Amino acid sequence: MKTAGVIGAGAWGTALALVCARAGLATRLWVREPEILEAIRRGRENSTFLPNVKIDDAVEATGDLADLAGCDLVLNVTPAQYLRSSLAAFAPHAREGLPVLLCSKGVEQGSLKLMTEVLAEALPQACPAVLSGPSFAGEVARGLPTAVTLACPNEEVGRQISEAIATPTFRPYWVTDMVGAEVGGAVKNVLAIACGIVEGRGLGRSAHAALITRGFAELTRLAEALGGQAETVAGLCGLGDLVLTCSSPQSRNMSVGLALGGGQTLDQALAGKVSVAEGVASAPAVRQLAAKVGVEMPICTAVAAILAGEAGVDAAIAGLLSRPLKSESL
């Protein structure tokens, strides 16, 4: 692989374009917003989503998806709820067997589909892969050490992608289990909102640790119910990402929870944010998906209820603490 195309110039898309360029790939970054496209071309900076980071000249910014047609690898980094529309727009330019690396974390509202299922419908000719794991865009963009999971059922393609995007500070670990990688990334965003609420309410480090642990149990149950492997979510794309996202206010999802725990409404918590907090959109879909497959996920359900205005923060917390006592293995 010698060329890469990146669809989506948010913070994560811009950071991954830099990773590809540093790995030696000729990289094209598709930018939806004309003003951001112009800023990158003129000043080599995405000041809206990733300020104070120089964008390497090896990254070519474009507003035309057709410019990505000849790339050996395409990374789709649009928000989860916009994945289908972005893939549909790119579909006329995608060749048979094109490796498409999905870098968004979420469950599609309405259909309750994982991102690979959306890809299979919108771009069936693609060879699917998933990138997930503990990674803040700003740190990756600055070249700080990062390890992630790269899931691809095609072993040859998975290894090719891993070798193509790896750098001395960006290390992909390859697995075949895309479902586990996707569930880990989607559910941890919802749990990060819960952890933010715990922090915002001042419930202490013990409660924070308990929530991460029991939340991980929920995440694992859903992954296994959907055909994923517990071993996968015990790695970087599940436990690793959960620990990072639930432990830093730098997390967009945790910051929303902090605001809610501090007494703000959801509208107030989201006001002024330019980047998407994927957990807000994924929470209702995760709740519905869990009910559909018969998996009990009380923490995620409580978060969805709070976001929907069905329950107040204190009532949701009281509901969780009053649940019947049970074995920890359940």
Protein backbone atom coordinates (compact mmCIF):
# COMPACT_ATOMS: atom_id res chain seq x y z
CA MET A 1 0.00 0.00 0.00
CA LYS A 2 1.39 3.35 -1.08
CA THR A 3 -1.61 5.73 -1.02
CA ALA A 4 -4.32 6.44 1.53
CA GLY A 5 -7.51 8.46 1.45
CA VAL A 6 -9.16 9.79 4.59
CA ILE A 7 -12.86 10.70 4.55
CA GLY A 8 -13.60 13.26 7.24
CA ALA A 9 -11.47 16.11 8.54
CA GLY A 10 -12.55 16.30 12.14
CA ALA A 11 -9.95 16.00 14.88
CA TRP A 12 -9.60 12.22 14.50
CA GLY A 13 -9.64 12.24 10.72
CA THR A 14 -6.97 14.92 10.59
CA ALA A 15 -4.84 13.06 13.12
CA LEU A 16 -5.11 9.81 11.16
CA ALA A 17 -4.18 11.61 7.94
CA LEU A 18 -1.00 12.71 9.73
CA VAL A 19 -0.36 9.12 10.84
CA CYS A 20 -0.69 7.89 7.26
CA ALA A 21 1.65 10.58 5.98
CA ARG A 22 4.23 9.83 8.67
CA ALA A 23 4.02 6.16 7.71
CA GLY A 24 5.13 7.11 4.21
CA LEU A 25 1.76 6.97 2.45
CA ALA A 26 0.76 9.59 -0.10
CA THR A 27 -2.33 10.84 1.72
CA ARG A 28 -5.44 12.66 0.56
CA LEU A 29 -7.80 14.11 3.16
CA TRP A 30 -11.39 14.78 2.11
CA VAL A 31 -12.77 17.87 3.80
CA ARG A 32 -16.49 18.61 3.80
CA GLU A 33 -16.37 22.24 5.00
CA PRO A 34 -15.01 24.68 2.37
CA GLU A 35 -13.59 27.02 5.01
CA ILE A 36 -11.61 24.22 6.67
CA LEU A 37 -10.40 23.02 3.28
CA GLU A 38 -9.11 26.49 2.50
CA ALA A 39 -7.49 26.83 5.94
CA ILE A 40 -5.59 23.57 5.52
CA ARG A 41 -4.45 24.47 2.03
CA ARG A 42 -3.32 27.97 2.97
CA GLY A 43 -2.13 27.67 6.55
CA ARG A 44 -1.56 23.89 6.92
CA GLU A 45 -3.70 23.82 10.06
CA ASN A 46 -7.20 22.60 10.98
CA SER A 47 -7.81 25.29 13.58
CA THR A 48 -11.48 24.35 13.99
CA PHE A 49 -11.03 20.73 15.06
CA LEU A 50 -7.31 20.27 15.72
CA PRO A 51 -5.73 23.62 16.54
CA ASN A 52 -1.99 24.23 16.98
CA VAL A 53 -1.02 21.13 15.00
CA LYS A 54 0.96 21.54 11.79
CA ILE A 55 -0.43 19.45 8.94
CA ASP A 56 2.37 17.89 6.94
CA ASP A 57 2.70 18.96 3.32
CA ALA A 58 2.44 15.27 2.41
CA VAL A 59 -1.27 15.48 3.29
CA GLU A 60 -3.23 16.77 0.29
CA ALA A 61 -6.59 18.28 1.23
CA THR A 62 -9.47 17.93 -1.24
CA GLY A 63 -13.17 18.63 -1.39
CA ASP A 64 -13.83 16.02 -4.08
CA LEU A 65 -14.36 12.37 -3.08
CA ALA A 66 -13.39 11.34 -6.61
CA ASP A 67 -9.81 12.26 -5.71
CA LEU A 68 -9.74 9.25 -3.35
CA ALA A 69 -10.74 6.79 -6.09
CA GLY A 70 -7.24 5.53 -6.81
CA CYS A 71 -6.11 5.12 -3.20
CA ASP A 72 -4.88 1.73 -2.00
CA LEU A 73 -6.60 2.24 1.37
CA VAL A 74 -9.49 4.45 2.50
CA LEU A 75 -10.12 5.42 6.12
CA ASN A 76 -13.66 6.59 6.87
CA VAL A 77 -13.62 8.88 9.90
CA THR A 78 -17.01 10.59 9.63
CA PRO A 79 -19.21 10.46 12.78
CA ALA A 80 -21.11 7.21 13.18
CA GLN A 81 -24.53 8.66 12.40
CA TYR A 82 -23.21 10.09 9.11
CA LEU A 83 -21.27 7.02 8.03
CA ARG A 84 -23.99 5.70 5.71
CA SER A 85 -24.37 8.98 3.80
CA SER A 86 -20.62 9.45 3.43
CA LEU A 87 -20.18 5.91 2.11
CA ALA A 88 -23.07 6.37 -0.32
CA ALA A 89 -21.40 9.52 -1.65
CA PHE A 90 -18.09 7.70 -2.07
CA ALA A 91 -19.60 4.51 -3.54
CA PRO A 92 -19.36 5.57 -7.22
CA HIS A 93 -15.59 5.97 -6.79
CA ALA A 94 -14.86 2.73 -4.88
CA ARG A 95 -13.39 -0.21 -6.76
CA GLU A 96 -14.06 -3.86 -5.99
CA GLY A 97 -12.05 -5.13 -3.02
CA LEU A 98 -10.98 -1.68 -1.79
CA PRO A 99 -9.87 -1.91 1.86
CA VAL A 100 -12.03 0.49 3.90
CA LEU A 101 -10.90 1.08 7.47
CA LEU A 102 -13.80 2.24 9.67
CA CYS A 103 -12.62 4.62 12.38
CA SER A 104 -15.95 5.82 13.82
CA LYS A 105 -17.34 4.35 17.03
CA GLY A 106 -21.07 3.92 17.42
CA VAL A 107 -24.34 2.15 16.66
CA GLU A 108 -26.54 3.57 13.92
CA GLN A 109 -29.80 4.97 15.22
CA GLY A 110 -32.93 3.45 13.74
CA SER A 111 -31.32 0.40 12.13
CA LEU A 112 -29.31 -0.50 15.28
CA LYS A 113 -26.51 -1.66 13.00
CA LEU A 114 -22.80 -1.69 13.71
CA MET A 115 -20.55 0.29 11.39
CA THR A 116 -19.42 -2.79 9.45
CA GLU A 117 -23.05 -3.68 8.80
CA VAL A 118 -23.64 -0.18 7.44
CA LEU A 119 -20.55 -0.59 5.23
CA ALA A 120 -21.81 -3.93 3.92
CA GLU A 121 -25.03 -2.28 2.81
CA ALA A 122 -23.69 1.03 1.51
CA LEU A 123 -20.42 -0.19 -0.02
CA PRO A 124 -20.69 -3.97 -0.46
CA GLN A 125 -17.68 -4.15 -2.78
CA ALA A 126 -15.32 -3.00 -0.01
CA CYS A 127 -13.01 -5.16 2.09
CA PRO A 128 -13.93 -4.13 5.68
CA ALA A 129 -11.65 -3.37 8.61
CA VAL A 130 -12.07 -1.55 11.93
CA LEU A 131 -9.70 0.71 13.86
CA SER A 132 -10.41 1.17 17.55
CA GLY A 133 -8.55 1.67 20.80
CA PRO A 134 -7.36 4.21 23.39
CA SER A 135 -6.38 7.24 21.33
CA PHE A 136 -6.92 10.95 21.77
CA ALA A 137 -6.64 12.79 18.46
CA GLY A 138 -4.43 15.56 19.83
CA GLU A 139 -1.92 13.12 21.28
CA VAL A 140 -1.80 11.02 18.12
CA ALA A 141 -1.39 14.15 16.00
CA ARG A 142 1.57 15.25 18.16
CA GLY A 143 3.21 11.87 17.70
CA LEU A 144 2.81 10.60 21.26
CA PRO A 145 2.97 6.80 21.70
CA THR A 146 -0.35 5.09 20.93
CA ALA A 147 -1.44 1.46 20.54
CA VAL A 148 -4.72 0.48 18.89
CA THR A 149 -6.66 -2.55 17.66
CA LEU A 150 -7.00 -3.14 13.93
CA ALA A 151 -9.71 -5.72 13.23
CA CYS A 152 -10.00 -7.41 9.85
CA PRO A 153 -11.25 -10.93 9.11
CA ASN A 154 -8.99 -11.12 6.05
CA GLU A 155 -5.61 -11.88 7.60
CA GLU A 156 -3.57 -10.77 4.59
CA VAL A 157 -5.39 -7.44 4.25
CA GLY A 158 -5.29 -6.86 8.00
CA ARG A 159 -1.55 -7.27 8.11
CA GLN A 160 -1.08 -5.09 5.04
CA ILE A 161 -3.07 -2.26 6.61
CA SER A 162 -1.24 -2.62 9.93
CA GLU A 163 2.14 -2.43 8.23
CA ALA A 164 1.02 0.45 6.01
CA ILE A 165 -0.13 2.79 8.81
CA ALA A 166 2.29 1.82 11.58
CA THR A 167 4.85 4.38 12.72
CA PRO A 168 7.38 4.35 15.56
CA THR A 169 4.71 5.93 17.82
CA PHE A 170 1.50 4.46 16.34
CA ARG A 171 1.25 0.71 16.85
CA PRO A 172 -1.71 -1.32 15.51
CA TYR A 173 -2.37 -4.78 16.95
CA TRP A 174 -4.23 -6.99 14.48
CA VAL A 175 -7.25 -9.21 15.30
CA THR A 176 -9.96 -10.86 13.18
CA ASP A 177 -12.92 -10.01 15.43
CA MET A 178 -14.56 -6.87 14.01
CA VAL A 179 -17.71 -7.22 16.14
CA GLY A 180 -15.76 -7.15 19.40
CA ALA A 181 -13.75 -4.14 18.25
CA GLU A 182 -16.89 -2.27 17.22
CA VAL A 183 -18.88 -3.01 20.36
CA GLY A 184 -15.95 -1.99 22.53
CA GLY A 185 -15.67 1.36 20.78
CA ALA A 186 -19.40 2.09 20.76
CA VAL A 187 -20.28 1.11 24.32
CA LYS A 188 -17.28 2.72 25.98
CA ASN A 189 -18.54 6.12 24.76
CA VAL A 190 -21.82 5.59 26.60
CA LEU A 191 -20.00 4.43 29.73
CA ALA A 192 -17.74 7.49 29.57
CA ILE A 193 -20.81 9.69 29.92
CA ALA A 194 -21.76 7.66 33.00
CA CYS A 195 -18.28 8.10 34.47
CA GLY A 196 -18.46 11.82 33.84
CA ILE A 197 -21.76 11.97 35.72
CA VAL A 198 -20.17 10.16 38.66
CA GLU A 199 -17.31 12.66 38.67
CA GLY A 200 -19.60 15.64 38.23
CA ARG A 201 -21.76 14.50 41.14
CA GLY A 202 -18.70 14.04 43.34
CA LEU A 203 -19.44 10.39 44.07
CA GLY A 204 -15.78 9.48 44.58
CA ARG A 205 -13.09 7.29 43.09
CA SER A 206 -14.57 4.08 44.49
CA ALA A 207 -17.80 4.65 42.57
CA HIS A 208 -15.79 5.56 39.48
CA ALA A 209 -13.84 2.30 39.64
CA ALA A 210 -16.97 0.27 40.27
CA LEU A 211 -18.72 1.84 37.29
CA ILE A 212 -15.83 1.09 34.93
CA THR A 213 -15.72 -2.52 36.10
CA ARG A 214 -19.45 -3.17 35.92
CA GLY A 215 -19.67 -1.21 32.68
CA PHE A 216 -17.00 -3.44 31.19
CA ALA A 217 -19.14 -6.45 32.15
CA GLU A 218 -22.05 -4.91 30.21
CA LEU A 219 -19.82 -4.23 27.22
CA THR A 220 -18.55 -7.82 27.22
CA ARG A 221 -22.05 -9.30 27.45
CA LEU A 222 -23.25 -7.32 24.44
CA ALA A 223 -20.16 -8.16 22.39
CA GLU A 224 -20.58 -11.88 23.02
CA ALA A 225 -24.32 -11.75 22.28
CA LEU A 226 -23.58 -10.20 18.89
CA GLY A 227 -20.92 -12.79 18.03
CA GLY A 228 -17.82 -11.01 19.30
CA GLN A 229 -15.15 -12.45 21.56
CA ALA A 230 -14.52 -11.61 25.22
CA GLU A 231 -10.79 -11.81 24.48
CA THR A 232 -11.09 -8.97 21.97
CA VAL A 233 -12.85 -6.53 24.30
CA ALA A 234 -10.38 -7.40 27.07
CA GLY A 235 -7.75 -5.71 24.87
CA LEU A 236 -7.08 -2.23 23.57
CA CYS A 237 -10.39 -1.74 21.76
CA GLY A 238 -12.47 -2.54 24.84
CA LEU A 239 -10.86 -2.32 28.23
CA GLY A 240 -8.03 -0.07 27.04
CA ASP A 241 -10.33 2.42 25.38
CA LEU A 242 -12.73 2.30 28.33
CA VAL A 243 -9.99 3.18 30.82
CA LEU A 244 -8.80 6.12 28.73
CA THR A 245 -12.21 7.56 27.88
CA CYS A 246 -13.56 7.19 31.41
CA SER A 247 -10.54 8.72 33.11
CA SER A 248 -9.94 12.06 31.43
CA PRO A 249 -12.06 15.21 31.01
CA GLN A 250 -10.27 15.48 27.64
CA SER A 251 -12.75 12.82 26.50
CA ARG A 252 -15.67 14.49 24.71
CA ASN A 253 -18.09 11.93 26.12
CA MET A 254 -16.83 12.18 29.68
CA SER A 255 -16.99 15.97 29.49
CA VAL A 256 -20.69 15.73 28.60
CA GLY A 257 -21.21 13.52 31.64
CA LEU A 258 -19.29 15.94 33.86
CA ALA A 259 -21.62 18.73 32.78
CA LEU A 260 -24.73 16.61 33.39
CA GLY A 261 -23.44 15.51 36.78
CA GLY A 262 -22.79 19.14 37.62
CA GLY A 263 -26.43 20.03 37.02
CA GLN A 264 -26.43 21.20 33.40
CA THR A 265 -29.04 20.16 30.87
CA LEU A 266 -27.99 18.14 27.82
CA ASP A 267 -28.36 21.22 25.60
CA GLN A 268 -26.09 23.17 27.94
CA ALA A 269 -23.59 20.30 28.05
CA LEU A 270 -23.37 20.20 24.26
CA ALA A 271 -23.39 23.96 23.69
CA GLY A 272 -20.28 25.27 21.97
CA LYS A 273 -18.80 21.85 21.19
CA VAL A 274 -17.49 21.56 17.63
CA SER A 275 -16.59 17.87 17.86
CA VAL A 276 -19.18 15.10 18.15
CA ALA A 277 -19.67 13.22 21.41
CA GLU A 278 -20.58 9.87 19.84
CA GLY A 279 -21.98 8.44 23.07
CA VAL A 280 -24.91 10.86 23.04
CA ALA A 281 -26.21 9.46 19.75
CA SER A 282 -25.17 5.87 20.48
CA ALA A 283 -26.78 5.60 23.95
CA PRO A 284 -30.39 5.16 22.76
CA ALA A 285 -29.26 2.78 20.01
CA VAL A 286 -27.21 0.71 22.47
CA ARG A 287 -30.21 0.52 24.82
CA GLN A 288 -32.48 -0.66 22.01
CA LEU A 289 -29.91 -3.11 20.66
CA ALA A 290 -29.38 -4.64 24.12
CA ALA A 291 -33.13 -5.10 24.52
CA LYS A 292 -33.35 -6.64 21.06
CA VAL A 293 -30.76 -9.32 21.80
CA GLY A 294 -31.83 -9.82 25.42
CA VAL A 295 -28.74 -8.43 27.17
CA GLU A 296 -29.08 -6.61 30.47
CA MET A 297 -27.15 -3.30 30.45
CA PRO A 298 -28.40 -1.24 33.40
CA ILE A 299 -25.69 1.44 33.29
CA CYS A 300 -26.08 2.11 29.58
CA THR A 301 -29.85 2.04 29.99
CA ALA A 302 -29.64 4.63 32.77
CA VAL A 303 -27.46 6.90 30.62
CA ALA A 304 -29.94 6.65 27.75
CA ALA A 305 -32.78 7.52 30.11
CA ILE A 306 -30.94 10.58 31.43
CA LEU A 307 -30.12 11.82 27.92
CA ALA A 308 -33.73 11.32 26.81
CA GLY A 309 -35.06 13.24 29.80
CA GLU A 310 -36.83 10.15 31.10
CA ALA A 311 -34.98 10.20 34.41
CA GLY A 312 -33.03 12.70 36.46
CA VAL A 313 -29.42 12.08 37.38
CA ASP A 314 -30.13 11.38 41.06
CA ALA A 315 -33.07 9.09 40.28
CA ALA A 316 -30.98 7.12 37.79
CA ILE A 317 -28.17 6.72 40.31
CA ALA A 318 -30.60 5.62 43.01
CA GLY A 319 -32.09 3.10 40.62
CA LEU A 320 -28.71 1.53 39.93
CA LEU A 321 -27.79 1.37 43.61
CA SER A 322 -31.09 -0.26 44.56
CA ARG A 323 -30.84 -3.13 42.07
CA PRO A 324 -31.01 -6.64 43.60
CA LEU A 325 -27.71 -8.06 44.84
CA LYS A 326 -26.27 -10.78 42.63
CA SER A 327 -23.15 -12.76 41.80
CA GLU A 328 -20.37 -10.66 40.28
CA SER A 329 -20.17 -13.11 37.37
CA LEU A 330 -23.64 -12.04 36.20
